[in-house]
């Protein structure tokens, strides 16, 4: 059974745009490369043709993968989210109990995670550790650097 993933409107739109681009421009580019390679003669010894066919296979696999992902994608209704507990799409401000540093993350699906943009996956160690927590709760999270305690300072949308 395929895994259902939850997305923001922005994340879902980005995936749909990528799929559309791969189906139109990507396929057209590969077809052009195959045609050019075919025009160069004997296909049995044509490395350019083999490379173009390989690229076509990779492109079709990527299209199938994105199609599967989108068929199991669900858009999250932000109006139904609450700020009482941490869930997907929550913007959570946490404070490291050891060094006092605070940081704010938005919990998103794996495919939307982008640490530079402050978006972490609900499947990451910190994301998993924060899910279900309430303001004031302390989450003990196992990281590669060891166990870290984070206090939930604020939960927003």
C-alpha atoms as a PDB file:
ATOM      1  CA  UNK A   1       0.000   0.000   0.000  1.00  0.00           C
ATOM      2  CA  UNK A   2       1.325   3.415  -0.957  1.00  0.00           C
ATOM      3  CA  UNK A   3       2.124   5.935   1.717  1.00  0.00           C
ATOM      4  CA  UNK A   4      -0.148   8.981   1.935  1.00  0.00           C
ATOM      5  CA  UNK A   5       1.764  12.256   2.180  1.00  0.00           C
ATOM      6  CA  UNK A   6       0.378  15.590   3.284  1.00  0.00           C
ATOM      7  CA  UNK A   7       1.317  18.814   1.537  1.00  0.00           C
ATOM      8  CA  UNK A   8       0.886  22.523   1.724  1.00  0.00           C
ATOM      9  CA  UNK A   9      -0.735  24.171  -1.307  1.00  0.00           C
ATOM     10  CA  UNK A  10       2.676  25.525  -2.299  1.00  0.00           C
ATOM     11  CA  UNK A  11       4.349  22.108  -2.069  1.00  0.00           C
ATOM     12  CA  UNK A  12       1.610  20.339  -4.010  1.00  0.00           C
ATOM     13  CA  UNK A  13       1.646  23.009  -6.733  1.00  0.00           C
ATOM     14  CA  UNK A  14       5.436  22.664  -7.041  1.00  0.00           C
ATOM     15  CA  UNK A  15       5.184  18.876  -7.517  1.00  0.00           C
ATOM     16  CA  UNK A  16       2.407  19.229 -10.104  1.00  0.00           C
ATOM     17  CA  UNK A  17       4.446  21.840 -12.020  1.00  0.00           C
ATOM     18  CA  UNK A  18       7.509  19.580 -11.989  1.00  0.00           C
ATOM     19  CA  UNK A  19       5.470  16.644 -13.322  1.00  0.00           C
ATOM     20  CA  UNK A  20       3.952  18.803 -16.043  1.00  0.00           C
ATOM     21  CA  UNK A  21       7.383  20.080 -17.103  1.00  0.00           C
ATOM     22  CA  UNK A  22       8.845  16.574 -17.217  1.00  0.00           C
ATOM     23  CA  UNK A  23       5.937  15.298 -19.310  1.00  0.00           C
ATOM     24  CA  UNK A  24       6.053  18.136 -21.841  1.00  0.00           C
ATOM     25  CA  UNK A  25       9.517  19.689 -22.078  1.00  0.00           C
ATOM     26  CA  UNK A  26      11.418  16.689 -20.695  1.00  0.00           C
ATOM     27  CA  UNK A  27       9.879  14.191 -23.097  1.00  0.00           C
ATOM     28  CA  UNK A  28      10.288  16.572 -26.049  1.00  0.00           C
ATOM     29  CA  UNK A  29      13.981  17.094 -25.247  1.00  0.00           C
ATOM     30  CA  UNK A  30      14.613  13.342 -24.984  1.00  0.00           C
ATOM     31  CA  UNK A  31      12.748  12.664 -28.247  1.00  0.00           C
ATOM     32  CA  UNK A  32      14.903  15.294 -29.984  1.00  0.00           C
ATOM     33  CA  UNK A  33      18.114  13.731 -28.577  1.00  0.00           C
ATOM     34  CA  UNK A  34      17.050  10.258 -29.732  1.00  0.00           C
ATOM     35  CA  UNK A  35      16.194  11.562 -33.205  1.00  0.00           C
ATOM     36  CA  UNK A  36      19.557  13.344 -33.511  1.00  0.00           C
ATOM     37  CA  UNK A  37      21.437  10.248 -32.383  1.00  0.00           C
ATOM     38  CA  UNK A  38      19.432   8.042 -34.776  1.00  0.00           C
ATOM     39  CA  UNK A  39      20.391  10.329 -37.681  1.00  0.00           C
ATOM     40  CA  UNK A  40      24.080   9.637 -37.013  1.00  0.00           C
ATOM     41  CA  UNK A  41      23.967   6.127 -38.410  1.00  0.00           C
ATOM     42  CA  UNK A  42      24.364   2.562 -37.131  1.00  0.00           C
ATOM     43  CA  UNK A  43      22.433   2.235 -33.871  1.00  0.00           C
ATOM     44  CA  UNK A  44      24.309  -0.883 -32.753  1.00  0.00           C
ATOM     45  CA  UNK A  45      27.522   1.123 -32.176  1.00  0.00           C
ATOM     46  CA  UNK A  46      25.990   4.488 -31.346  1.00  0.00           C
ATOM     47  CA  UNK A  47      26.818   5.456 -27.739  1.00  0.00           C
ATOM     48  CA  UNK A  48      24.913   8.716 -28.097  1.00  0.00           C
ATOM     49  CA  UNK A  49      21.740   6.789 -28.950  1.00  0.00           C
ATOM     50  CA  UNK A  50      22.248   4.431 -25.992  1.00  0.00           C
ATOM     51  CA  UNK A  51      22.754   7.407 -23.654  1.00  0.00           C
ATOM     52  CA  UNK A  52      19.605   9.098 -24.943  1.00  0.00           C
ATOM     53  CA  UNK A  53      17.580   5.889 -24.464  1.00  0.00           C
ATOM     54  CA  UNK A  54      18.964   5.567 -20.913  1.00  0.00           C
ATOM     55  CA  UNK A  55      18.008   9.183 -20.223  1.00  0.00           C
ATOM     56  CA  UNK A  56      14.527   8.409 -21.547  1.00  0.00           C
ATOM     57  CA  UNK A  57      14.225   5.491 -19.130  1.00  0.00           C
ATOM     58  CA  UNK A  58      15.301   7.665 -16.200  1.00  0.00           C
ATOM     59  CA  UNK A  59      12.856  10.392 -17.222  1.00  0.00           C
ATOM     60  CA  UNK A  60       9.954   7.943 -17.464  1.00  0.00           C
ATOM     61  CA  UNK A  61      10.873   6.468 -14.073  1.00  0.00           C
ATOM     62  CA  UNK A  62      10.891   9.975 -12.543  1.00  0.00           C
ATOM     63  CA  UNK A  63       7.507  10.736 -14.157  1.00  0.00           C
ATOM     64  CA  UNK A  64       6.060   7.480 -12.781  1.00  0.00           C
ATOM     65  CA  UNK A  65       7.493   8.210  -9.317  1.00  0.00           C
ATOM     66  CA  UNK A  66       6.023  11.730  -9.259  1.00  0.00           C
ATOM     67  CA  UNK A  67       2.697  10.428 -10.553  1.00  0.00           C
ATOM     68  CA  UNK A  68       2.599   7.862  -7.741  1.00  0.00           C
ATOM     69  CA  UNK A  69       3.514  10.513  -5.193  1.00  0.00           C
ATOM     70  CA  UNK A  70       0.794  12.860  -6.416  1.00  0.00           C
ATOM     71  CA  UNK A  71      -1.825  10.106  -6.509  1.00  0.00           C
ATOM     72  CA  UNK A  72      -1.268   9.628  -2.766  1.00  0.00           C
ATOM     73  CA  UNK A  73      -0.862  13.316  -1.932  1.00  0.00           C
ATOM     74  CA  UNK A  74      -3.363  15.088   0.297  1.00  0.00           C
ATOM     75  CA  UNK A  75      -3.722  18.829   0.671  1.00  0.00           C
ATOM     76  CA  UNK A  76      -3.843  19.979   4.266  1.00  0.00           C
ATOM     77  CA  UNK A  77      -6.702  22.288   5.184  1.00  0.00           C
ATOM     78  CA  UNK A  78      -4.843  24.866   7.272  1.00  0.00           C
ATOM     79  CA  UNK A  79      -8.119  26.215   8.682  1.00  0.00           C
ATOM     80  CA  UNK A  80      -8.650  22.914  10.534  1.00  0.00           C
ATOM     81  CA  UNK A  81      -5.256  22.920  12.219  1.00  0.00           C
ATOM     82  CA  UNK A  82      -5.058  23.860  15.864  1.00  0.00           C
ATOM     83  CA  UNK A  83      -2.209  25.438  17.768  1.00  0.00           C
ATOM     84  CA  UNK A  84      -2.721  23.375  20.909  1.00  0.00           C
ATOM     85  CA  UNK A  85      -0.477  20.474  19.862  1.00  0.00           C
ATOM     86  CA  UNK A  86       2.344  20.134  17.356  1.00  0.00           C
ATOM     87  CA  UNK A  87       1.228  18.552  14.082  1.00  0.00           C
ATOM     88  CA  UNK A  88       2.131  18.716  10.415  1.00  0.00           C
ATOM     89  CA  UNK A  89       2.228  22.357   9.218  1.00  0.00           C
ATOM     90  CA  UNK A  90       2.767  23.654  12.752  1.00  0.00           C
ATOM     91  CA  UNK A  91       5.346  26.408  13.128  1.00  0.00           C
ATOM     92  CA  UNK A  92       7.081  25.431  16.337  1.00  0.00           C
ATOM     93  CA  UNK A  93       9.531  27.548  18.290  1.00  0.00           C
ATOM     94  CA  UNK A  94      11.751  25.348  20.413  1.00  0.00           C
ATOM     95  CA  UNK A  95      14.525  26.142  22.865  1.00  0.00           C
ATOM     96  CA  UNK A  96      17.542  23.928  23.393  1.00  0.00           C
ATOM     97  CA  UNK A  97      17.572  23.344  27.177  1.00  0.00           C
ATOM     98  CA  UNK A  98      21.356  22.916  27.236  1.00  0.00           C
ATOM     99  CA  UNK A  99      22.519  26.059  25.425  1.00  0.00           C
ATOM    100  CA  UNK A 100      19.358  28.197  25.465  1.00  0.00           C
ATOM    101  CA  UNK A 101      19.290  28.654  21.686  1.00  0.00           C
ATOM    102  CA  UNK A 102      15.833  29.062  20.157  1.00  0.00           C
ATOM    103  CA  UNK A 103      14.801  28.141  16.634  1.00  0.00           C
ATOM    104  CA  UNK A 104      11.521  28.018  14.741  1.00  0.00           C
ATOM    105  CA  UNK A 105      10.674  25.186  12.367  1.00  0.00           C
ATOM    106  CA  UNK A 106       7.654  24.356  10.247  1.00  0.00           C
ATOM    107  CA  UNK A 107       6.858  20.639  10.191  1.00  0.00           C
ATOM    108  CA  UNK A 108       6.171  19.408   6.656  1.00  0.00           C
ATOM    109  CA  UNK A 109       6.211  16.193   4.599  1.00  0.00           C
ATOM    110  CA  UNK A 110       9.554  14.640   3.653  1.00  0.00           C
ATOM    111  CA  UNK A 111       9.325  15.927   0.083  1.00  0.00           C
ATOM    112  CA  UNK A 112       8.795  19.536   1.210  1.00  0.00           C
ATOM    113  CA  UNK A 113      11.547  19.583   3.839  1.00  0.00           C
ATOM    114  CA  UNK A 114      14.079  22.395   3.347  1.00  0.00           C
ATOM    115  CA  UNK A 115      16.249  23.196   6.353  1.00  0.00           C
ATOM    116  CA  UNK A 116      17.425  26.512   4.856  1.00  0.00           C
ATOM    117  CA  UNK A 117      13.771  27.610   4.676  1.00  0.00           C
ATOM    118  CA  UNK A 118      13.132  26.380   8.224  1.00  0.00           C
ATOM    119  CA  UNK A 119      11.016  23.424   7.076  1.00  0.00           C
ATOM    120  CA  UNK A 120      11.770  20.052   8.642  1.00  0.00           C
ATOM    121  CA  UNK A 121      10.208  16.695   7.924  1.00  0.00           C
ATOM    122  CA  UNK A 122       7.801  15.076  10.322  1.00  0.00           C
ATOM    123  CA  UNK A 123       9.926  11.952   9.696  1.00  0.00           C
ATOM    124  CA  UNK A 124      13.161  13.592  10.920  1.00  0.00           C
ATOM    125  CA  UNK A 125      14.290  12.873  14.500  1.00  0.00           C
ATOM    126  CA  UNK A 126      13.345  16.392  15.653  1.00  0.00           C
ATOM    127  CA  UNK A 127      10.047  16.321  13.727  1.00  0.00           C
ATOM    128  CA  UNK A 128       9.075  12.950  15.190  1.00  0.00           C
ATOM    129  CA  UNK A 129      10.053  14.088  18.666  1.00  0.00           C
ATOM    130  CA  UNK A 130       7.930  17.237  18.470  1.00  0.00           C
ATOM    131  CA  UNK A 131       4.723  15.707  17.065  1.00  0.00           C
ATOM    132  CA  UNK A 132       1.942  15.737  19.644  1.00  0.00           C
ATOM    133  CA  UNK A 133       3.805  17.995  22.077  1.00  0.00           C
ATOM    134  CA  UNK A 134       2.110  21.003  23.696  1.00  0.00           C
ATOM    135  CA  UNK A 135       3.436  24.431  24.619  1.00  0.00           C
ATOM    136  CA  UNK A 136       5.734  24.033  27.641  1.00  0.00           C
ATOM    137  CA  UNK A 137       6.420  20.328  27.000  1.00  0.00           C
ATOM    138  CA  UNK A 138      10.010  19.105  26.852  1.00  0.00           C
ATOM    139  CA  UNK A 139      10.941  16.745  24.027  1.00  0.00           C
ATOM    140  CA  UNK A 140      13.943  14.452  24.497  1.00  0.00           C
ATOM    141  CA  UNK A 141      15.212  13.830  20.996  1.00  0.00           C
ATOM    142  CA  UNK A 142      17.946  11.418  19.957  1.00  0.00           C
ATOM    143  CA  UNK A 143      20.214  13.035  17.381  1.00  0.00           C
ATOM    144  CA  UNK A 144      23.548  11.928  15.901  1.00  0.00           C
ATOM    145  CA  UNK A 145      25.179  14.259  18.470  1.00  0.00           C
ATOM    146  CA  UNK A 146      23.367  12.518  21.345  1.00  0.00           C
ATOM    147  CA  UNK A 147      20.117  13.148  23.196  1.00  0.00           C
ATOM    148  CA  UNK A 148      18.999  16.793  23.249  1.00  0.00           C
ATOM    149  CA  UNK A 149      16.151  18.289  25.260  1.00  0.00           C
ATOM    150  CA  UNK A 150      14.004  20.895  23.536  1.00  0.00           C
ATOM    151  CA  UNK A 151      11.272  22.909  25.236  1.00  0.00           C
ATOM    152  CA  UNK A 152       8.280  23.850  23.087  1.00  0.00           C
ATOM    153  CA  UNK A 153       8.032  27.641  23.428  1.00  0.00           C
ATOM    154  CA  UNK A 154       5.310  28.401  20.901  1.00  0.00           C
ATOM    155  CA  UNK A 155       3.072  26.627  18.390  1.00  0.00           C
ATOM    156  CA  UNK A 156       1.589  28.525  15.444  1.00  0.00           C
ATOM    157  CA  UNK A 157       0.383  28.082  11.895  1.00  0.00           C
END
